Amino acid sequence: FQLQASGGGLVQPGGSLRLSCEVSGGGSLGNVYGIGWFRQAPGKEREGISCITKNPGETKYAASVKGRFTISKDNAKNTVYLQMNNLKLEDSALYFCAAMPSRYITSYHLNPGAYSIWGQGTLVTVSS
């Protein structure tokens, strides 16, 4: 079970990007309870920003991105997406996706401790 994040890039403030997190290595989204997106900027701690669970596909967002980011999944493609709109300078970071193997209480869903499988990061730079 492996995760492959992609879709990062350079974008101007107010712009949009869509990140993808593809499950590979013989695994599927059905193997885990949830997939989360995290980001880490230089000198800052890793921040959980969004997650989506297997069933019934509950979603959760950090206050810093709520209303601007949307998480979704395509089970047929074994891929979770993070649509990021109205990007701000402070959204610049290395973005990671990770798998939550077991069910945790909802309040823990954006905590890195709930995730045991991590993909490599994809860099998002918001700059004018």
N, C-alpha and C. Protein backbone atom coordinates (compact mmCIF):
# COMPACT_ATOMS: atom_id res chain seq x y z
N PHE A 1 0.86 -1.17 0.00
CA PHE A 1 0.00 0.00 0.00
C PHE A 1 0.90 1.22 0.00
N GLN A 2 0.80 2.03 -1.07
CA GLN A 2 1.62 3.23 -1.19
C GLN A 2 0.74 4.40 -1.62
N LEU A 3 1.21 5.58 -1.28
CA LEU A 3 0.50 6.79 -1.66
C LEU A 3 1.40 7.66 -2.51
N GLN A 4 0.84 8.22 -3.55
CA GLN A 4 1.58 9.08 -4.47
C GLN A 4 0.84 10.40 -4.60
N ALA A 5 1.44 11.46 -4.06
CA ALA A 5 0.83 12.78 -4.16
C ALA A 5 1.39 13.52 -5.36
N SER A 6 0.54 14.29 -6.00
CA SER A 6 0.96 15.06 -7.16
C SER A 6 0.06 16.28 -7.32
N GLY A 7 0.44 17.16 -8.22
CA GLY A 7 -0.40 18.30 -8.54
C GLY A 7 0.08 19.64 -8.01
N GLY A 8 1.16 19.64 -7.26
CA GLY A 8 1.67 20.89 -6.74
C GLY A 8 2.25 21.76 -7.84
N GLY A 9 2.54 23.00 -7.51
CA GLY A 9 3.11 23.90 -8.48
C GLY A 9 3.13 25.32 -7.97
N LEU A 10 3.43 26.22 -8.89
CA LEU A 10 3.49 27.65 -8.59
C LEU A 10 2.20 28.30 -9.06
N VAL A 11 1.59 29.06 -8.19
CA VAL A 11 0.32 29.71 -8.53
C VAL A 11 0.28 31.09 -7.88
N GLN A 12 -0.42 32.00 -8.50
CA GLN A 12 -0.56 33.34 -7.95
C GLN A 12 -1.62 33.37 -6.86
N PRO A 13 -1.53 34.33 -5.96
CA PRO A 13 -2.60 34.47 -4.95
C PRO A 13 -3.96 34.59 -5.61
N GLY A 14 -4.93 33.89 -5.05
CA GLY A 14 -6.26 33.86 -5.64
C GLY A 14 -6.46 32.74 -6.63
N GLY A 15 -5.39 32.08 -7.00
CA GLY A 15 -5.48 31.00 -7.98
C GLY A 15 -5.91 29.68 -7.36
N SER A 16 -5.91 28.65 -8.20
CA SER A 16 -6.38 27.32 -7.78
C SER A 16 -5.40 26.24 -8.21
N LEU A 17 -5.41 25.17 -7.44
CA LEU A 17 -4.67 23.96 -7.78
C LEU A 17 -5.48 22.77 -7.31
N ARG A 18 -5.30 21.64 -7.97
CA ARG A 18 -5.91 20.41 -7.49
C ARG A 18 -4.82 19.39 -7.25
N LEU A 19 -4.71 18.94 -6.03
CA LEU A 19 -3.76 17.91 -5.66
C LEU A 19 -4.43 16.54 -5.77
N SER A 20 -3.64 15.55 -6.12
CA SER A 20 -4.13 14.18 -6.20
C SER A 20 -3.29 13.29 -5.30
N CYS A 21 -3.95 12.31 -4.71
CA CYS A 21 -3.27 11.32 -3.88
C CYS A 21 -3.75 9.95 -4.36
N GLU A 22 -2.89 9.25 -5.06
CA GLU A 22 -3.25 7.97 -5.65
C GLU A 22 -2.71 6.83 -4.82
N VAL A 23 -3.56 5.87 -4.56
CA VAL A 23 -3.15 4.65 -3.88
C VAL A 23 -2.57 3.69 -4.89
N SER A 24 -1.41 3.14 -4.57
CA SER A 24 -0.78 2.18 -5.49
C SER A 24 -0.18 1.05 -4.67
N GLY A 25 0.57 0.20 -5.34
CA GLY A 25 1.22 -0.90 -4.64
C GLY A 25 0.28 -2.01 -4.27
N GLY A 26 -0.82 -2.12 -5.01
CA GLY A 26 -1.75 -3.21 -4.76
C GLY A 26 -2.83 -2.90 -3.75
N GLY A 27 -2.79 -1.73 -3.14
CA GLY A 27 -3.80 -1.36 -2.17
C GLY A 27 -4.96 -0.63 -2.79
N SER A 28 -5.96 -0.32 -1.97
CA SER A 28 -7.09 0.46 -2.44
C SER A 28 -7.60 1.33 -1.31
N LEU A 29 -8.42 2.30 -1.68
CA LEU A 29 -8.99 3.18 -0.66
C LEU A 29 -9.79 2.39 0.36
N GLY A 30 -10.33 1.27 -0.04
CA GLY A 30 -11.12 0.46 0.86
C GLY A 30 -10.31 -0.22 1.95
N ASN A 31 -8.98 -0.21 1.80
CA ASN A 31 -8.13 -0.87 2.79
C ASN A 31 -7.93 -0.05 4.06
N VAL A 32 -8.24 1.25 3.98
CA VAL A 32 -7.99 2.12 5.12
C VAL A 32 -9.26 2.87 5.50
N TYR A 33 -9.28 3.42 6.70
CA TYR A 33 -10.46 4.13 7.16
C TYR A 33 -10.56 5.52 6.54
N GLY A 34 -9.43 6.16 6.33
CA GLY A 34 -9.49 7.52 5.79
C GLY A 34 -8.18 7.96 5.17
N ILE A 35 -8.27 8.99 4.40
CA ILE A 35 -7.09 9.63 3.79
C ILE A 35 -7.09 11.09 4.22
N GLY A 36 -5.94 11.56 4.63
CA GLY A 36 -5.82 12.94 5.06
C GLY A 36 -4.79 13.69 4.26
N TRP A 37 -4.96 15.00 4.23
CA TRP A 37 -3.97 15.89 3.63
C TRP A 37 -3.34 16.74 4.73
N PHE A 38 -2.04 16.85 4.64
CA PHE A 38 -1.28 17.63 5.61
C PHE A 38 -0.36 18.57 4.84
N ARG A 39 0.13 19.58 5.52
CA ARG A 39 1.11 20.46 4.89
C ARG A 39 2.12 20.90 5.93
N GLN A 40 3.30 21.21 5.44
CA GLN A 40 4.36 21.68 6.33
C GLN A 40 5.16 22.75 5.62
N ALA A 41 5.17 23.92 6.21
CA ALA A 41 5.97 25.03 5.70
C ALA A 41 7.30 25.04 6.43
N PRO A 42 8.32 25.63 5.84
CA PRO A 42 9.64 25.68 6.49
C PRO A 42 9.56 26.30 7.87
N GLY A 43 10.12 25.61 8.86
CA GLY A 43 10.15 26.11 10.21
C GLY A 43 8.86 25.97 10.98
N LYS A 44 7.88 25.31 10.38
CA LYS A 44 6.59 25.14 11.05
C LYS A 44 6.26 23.67 11.22
N GLU A 45 5.36 23.39 12.14
CA GLU A 45 4.94 22.02 12.36
C GLU A 45 4.00 21.55 11.25
N ARG A 46 3.94 20.24 11.09
CA ARG A 46 3.02 19.67 10.11
C ARG A 46 1.59 19.94 10.55
N GLU A 47 0.79 20.41 9.63
CA GLU A 47 -0.60 20.80 9.92
C GLU A 47 -1.57 19.90 9.16
N GLY A 48 -2.51 19.32 9.86
CA GLY A 48 -3.57 18.57 9.21
C GLY A 48 -4.59 19.53 8.65
N ILE A 49 -4.92 19.42 7.38
CA ILE A 49 -5.83 20.38 6.78
C ILE A 49 -7.14 19.78 6.31
N SER A 50 -7.15 18.50 5.98
CA SER A 50 -8.40 17.91 5.55
C SER A 50 -8.31 16.40 5.56
N CYS A 51 -9.45 15.74 5.70
CA CYS A 51 -9.47 14.29 5.58
C CYS A 51 -10.85 13.85 5.10
N ILE A 52 -10.89 12.64 4.58
CA ILE A 52 -12.13 12.04 4.13
C ILE A 52 -12.11 10.58 4.53
N THR A 53 -13.23 10.11 5.07
CA THR A 53 -13.29 8.74 5.54
C THR A 53 -13.91 7.81 4.50
N LYS A 54 -13.75 6.53 4.75
CA LYS A 54 -14.19 5.51 3.80
C LYS A 54 -15.70 5.53 3.64
N ASN A 55 -16.40 5.30 4.69
CA ASN A 55 -17.86 5.31 4.67
C ASN A 55 -18.35 6.00 5.93
N PRO A 56 -19.20 6.93 5.79
CA PRO A 56 -19.91 7.34 4.57
C PRO A 56 -19.24 8.49 3.83
N GLY A 57 -17.94 8.60 3.91
CA GLY A 57 -17.26 9.67 3.21
C GLY A 57 -17.35 10.99 3.93
N GLU A 58 -17.26 10.93 5.26
CA GLU A 58 -17.27 12.16 6.05
C GLU A 58 -16.01 12.96 5.76
N THR A 59 -16.16 14.28 5.79
CA THR A 59 -15.02 15.15 5.54
C THR A 59 -14.80 16.08 6.73
N LYS A 60 -13.57 16.52 6.85
CA LYS A 60 -13.23 17.43 7.93
C LYS A 60 -12.18 18.40 7.39
N TYR A 61 -12.25 19.65 7.83
CA TYR A 61 -11.33 20.67 7.36
C TYR A 61 -10.79 21.48 8.54
N ALA A 62 -9.54 21.89 8.39
CA ALA A 62 -8.98 22.83 9.35
C ALA A 62 -9.59 24.21 9.10
N ALA A 63 -9.66 25.00 10.14
CA ALA A 63 -10.25 26.32 10.01
C ALA A 63 -9.51 27.18 8.98
N SER A 64 -8.23 26.93 8.84
CA SER A 64 -7.41 27.75 7.93
C SER A 64 -7.76 27.54 6.46
N VAL A 65 -8.43 26.43 6.13
CA VAL A 65 -8.74 26.16 4.73
C VAL A 65 -10.22 25.98 4.45
N LYS A 66 -11.03 25.93 5.50
CA LYS A 66 -12.45 25.69 5.33
C LYS A 66 -13.08 26.76 4.46
N GLY A 67 -13.87 26.31 3.51
CA GLY A 67 -14.51 27.24 2.58
C GLY A 67 -13.70 27.52 1.34
N ARG A 68 -12.43 27.15 1.35
CA ARG A 68 -11.56 27.36 0.18
C ARG A 68 -11.10 26.03 -0.42
N PHE A 69 -10.91 25.02 0.41
CA PHE A 69 -10.43 23.71 -0.04
C PHE A 69 -11.57 22.70 0.01
N THR A 70 -11.57 21.77 -0.92
CA THR A 70 -12.56 20.70 -0.95
C THR A 70 -11.87 19.37 -1.19
N ILE A 71 -12.15 18.42 -0.31
CA ILE A 71 -11.58 17.08 -0.47
C ILE A 71 -12.64 16.17 -1.08
N SER A 72 -12.21 15.28 -1.95
CA SER A 72 -13.14 14.34 -2.57
C SER A 72 -12.36 13.07 -2.93
N LYS A 73 -13.10 12.05 -3.34
CA LYS A 73 -12.42 10.81 -3.70
C LYS A 73 -13.12 10.14 -4.86
N ASP A 74 -12.36 9.37 -5.60
CA ASP A 74 -12.87 8.55 -6.69
C ASP A 74 -12.42 7.13 -6.40
N ASN A 75 -13.32 6.32 -5.87
CA ASN A 75 -12.96 4.97 -5.48
C ASN A 75 -12.49 4.14 -6.68
N ALA A 76 -13.08 4.37 -7.82
CA ALA A 76 -12.72 3.60 -9.01
C ALA A 76 -11.27 3.88 -9.42
N LYS A 77 -10.82 5.10 -9.17
CA LYS A 77 -9.45 5.48 -9.52
C LYS A 77 -8.50 5.37 -8.34
N ASN A 78 -9.03 4.98 -7.17
CA ASN A 78 -8.20 4.87 -5.96
C ASN A 78 -7.46 6.17 -5.69
N THR A 79 -8.16 7.26 -5.83
CA THR A 79 -7.53 8.57 -5.74
C THR A 79 -8.38 9.51 -4.89
N VAL A 80 -7.68 10.27 -4.06
CA VAL A 80 -8.30 11.33 -3.27
C VAL A 80 -7.76 12.66 -3.80
N TYR A 81 -8.66 13.61 -3.94
CA TYR A 81 -8.30 14.91 -4.48
C TYR A 81 -8.44 16.01 -3.42
N LEU A 82 -7.65 17.04 -3.58
CA LEU A 82 -7.80 18.24 -2.75
C LEU A 82 -7.85 19.43 -3.70
N GLN A 83 -9.06 19.96 -3.89
CA GLN A 83 -9.22 21.14 -4.71
C GLN A 83 -8.98 22.37 -3.85
N MET A 84 -8.01 23.17 -4.26
CA MET A 84 -7.63 24.34 -3.47
C MET A 84 -7.93 25.60 -4.27
N ASN A 85 -8.85 26.38 -3.77
CA ASN A 85 -9.25 27.63 -4.43
C ASN A 85 -8.87 28.83 -3.58
N ASN A 86 -8.82 29.98 -4.22
CA ASN A 86 -8.51 31.23 -3.52
C ASN A 86 -7.25 31.08 -2.66
N LEU A 87 -6.21 30.58 -3.29
CA LEU A 87 -4.97 30.31 -2.56
C LEU A 87 -4.34 31.60 -2.06
N LYS A 88 -3.75 31.49 -0.88
CA LYS A 88 -3.11 32.63 -0.23
C LYS A 88 -1.62 32.36 -0.08
N LEU A 89 -0.87 33.42 0.16
CA LEU A 89 0.57 33.26 0.33
C LEU A 89 0.89 32.24 1.42
N GLU A 90 0.09 32.27 2.48
CA GLU A 90 0.35 31.39 3.61
C GLU A 90 0.00 29.93 3.35
N ASP A 91 -0.56 29.63 2.19
CA ASP A 91 -0.82 28.24 1.82
C ASP A 91 0.42 27.56 1.24
N SER A 92 1.47 28.32 1.01
CA SER A 92 2.70 27.74 0.46
C SER A 92 3.28 26.75 1.46
N ALA A 93 3.52 25.53 0.99
CA ALA A 93 4.04 24.47 1.86
C ALA A 93 4.26 23.22 1.04
N LEU A 94 4.86 22.25 1.69
CA LEU A 94 4.95 20.91 1.13
C LEU A 94 3.71 20.15 1.60
N TYR A 95 2.94 19.65 0.67
CA TYR A 95 1.69 18.98 0.98
C TYR A 95 1.87 17.47 0.91
N PHE A 96 1.35 16.78 1.92
CA PHE A 96 1.44 15.33 2.01
C PHE A 96 0.05 14.73 2.10
N CYS A 97 -0.10 13.53 1.58
CA CYS A 97 -1.29 12.77 1.89
C CYS A 97 -0.87 11.56 2.72
N ALA A 98 -1.79 11.08 3.53
CA ALA A 98 -1.49 9.98 4.42
C ALA A 98 -2.74 9.14 4.64
N ALA A 99 -2.51 7.89 5.05
CA ALA A 99 -3.61 6.96 5.26
C ALA A 99 -3.82 6.71 6.74
N MET A 100 -5.10 6.76 7.14
CA MET A 100 -5.51 6.45 8.50
C MET A 100 -6.04 5.01 8.49
N PRO A 101 -5.29 4.07 9.04
CA PRO A 101 -5.67 2.67 8.88
C PRO A 101 -6.90 2.27 9.70
N SER A 102 -7.10 2.90 10.83
CA SER A 102 -8.19 2.51 11.72
C SER A 102 -9.06 3.71 12.04
N ARG A 103 -10.22 3.40 12.57
CA ARG A 103 -11.15 4.47 12.91
C ARG A 103 -10.74 5.15 14.21
N TYR A 104 -10.76 6.47 14.18
CA TYR A 104 -10.52 7.28 15.37
C TYR A 104 -11.69 8.22 15.55
N ILE A 105 -11.79 8.80 16.72
CA ILE A 105 -12.83 9.79 16.92
C ILE A 105 -12.58 10.97 16.00
N THR A 106 -13.65 11.58 15.57
CA THR A 106 -13.57 12.63 14.56
C THR A 106 -12.61 13.74 14.94
N SER A 107 -12.56 14.07 16.21
CA SER A 107 -11.70 15.17 16.66
C SER A 107 -10.22 14.88 16.46
N TYR A 108 -9.89 13.62 16.21
CA TYR A 108 -8.50 13.22 16.03
C TYR A 108 -8.12 13.11 14.56
N HIS A 109 -9.07 13.34 13.67
CA HIS A 109 -8.85 13.04 12.25
C HIS A 109 -7.82 13.93 11.57
N LEU A 110 -7.49 15.07 12.13
CA LEU A 110 -6.47 15.92 11.53
C LEU A 110 -5.16 15.87 12.30
N ASN A 111 -5.04 14.89 13.18
CA ASN A 111 -3.81 14.72 13.95
C ASN A 111 -2.90 13.73 13.23
N PRO A 112 -1.66 14.10 12.98
CA PRO A 112 -0.74 13.20 12.27
C PRO A 112 -0.60 11.83 12.94
N GLY A 113 -0.84 11.77 14.24
CA GLY A 113 -0.73 10.51 14.96
C GLY A 113 -1.72 9.46 14.54
N ALA A 114 -2.79 9.87 13.87
CA ALA A 114 -3.79 8.91 13.42
C ALA A 114 -3.39 8.24 12.11
N TYR A 115 -2.29 8.68 11.52
CA TYR A 115 -1.90 8.23 10.18
C TYR A 115 -0.59 7.47 10.23
N SER A 116 -0.55 6.35 9.55
CA SER A 116 0.65 5.51 9.61
C SER A 116 1.33 5.32 8.27
N ILE A 117 0.68 5.68 7.19
CA ILE A 117 1.27 5.52 5.86
C ILE A 117 1.28 6.89 5.20
N TRP A 118 2.45 7.33 4.79
CA TRP A 118 2.62 8.66 4.25
C TRP A 118 3.18 8.59 2.83
N GLY A 119 2.67 9.47 1.99
CA GLY A 119 3.25 9.61 0.67
C GLY A 119 4.34 10.66 0.69
N GLN A 120 5.01 10.81 -0.44
CA GLN A 120 6.00 11.88 -0.53
C GLN A 120 5.26 13.19 -0.73
N GLY A 121 5.87 14.29 -0.48
CA GLY A 121 5.19 15.56 -0.57
C GLY A 121 5.16 16.12 -1.98
N THR A 122 4.23 17.03 -2.19
CA THR A 122 4.18 17.80 -3.43
C THR A 122 4.17 19.27 -3.04
N LEU A 123 5.03 20.04 -3.68
CA LEU A 123 5.26 21.42 -3.25
C LEU A 123 4.26 22.37 -3.88
N VAL A 124 3.65 23.19 -3.04
CA VAL A 124 2.75 24.24 -3.48
C VAL A 124 3.37 25.58 -3.12
N THR A 125 3.55 26.42 -4.11
CA THR A 125 4.10 27.75 -3.88
C THR A 125 3.12 28.78 -4.39
N VAL A 126 2.69 29.64 -3.50
CA VAL A 126 1.78 30.73 -3.86
C VAL A 126 2.58 32.02 -3.82
N SER A 127 2.73 32.63 -4.97
CA SER A 127 3.57 33.81 -5.05
C SER A 127 3.12 34.69 -6.20
N SER A 128 3.26 36.00 -5.99
CA SER A 128 2.93 36.93 -7.06
C SER A 128 4.18 37.29 -7.86
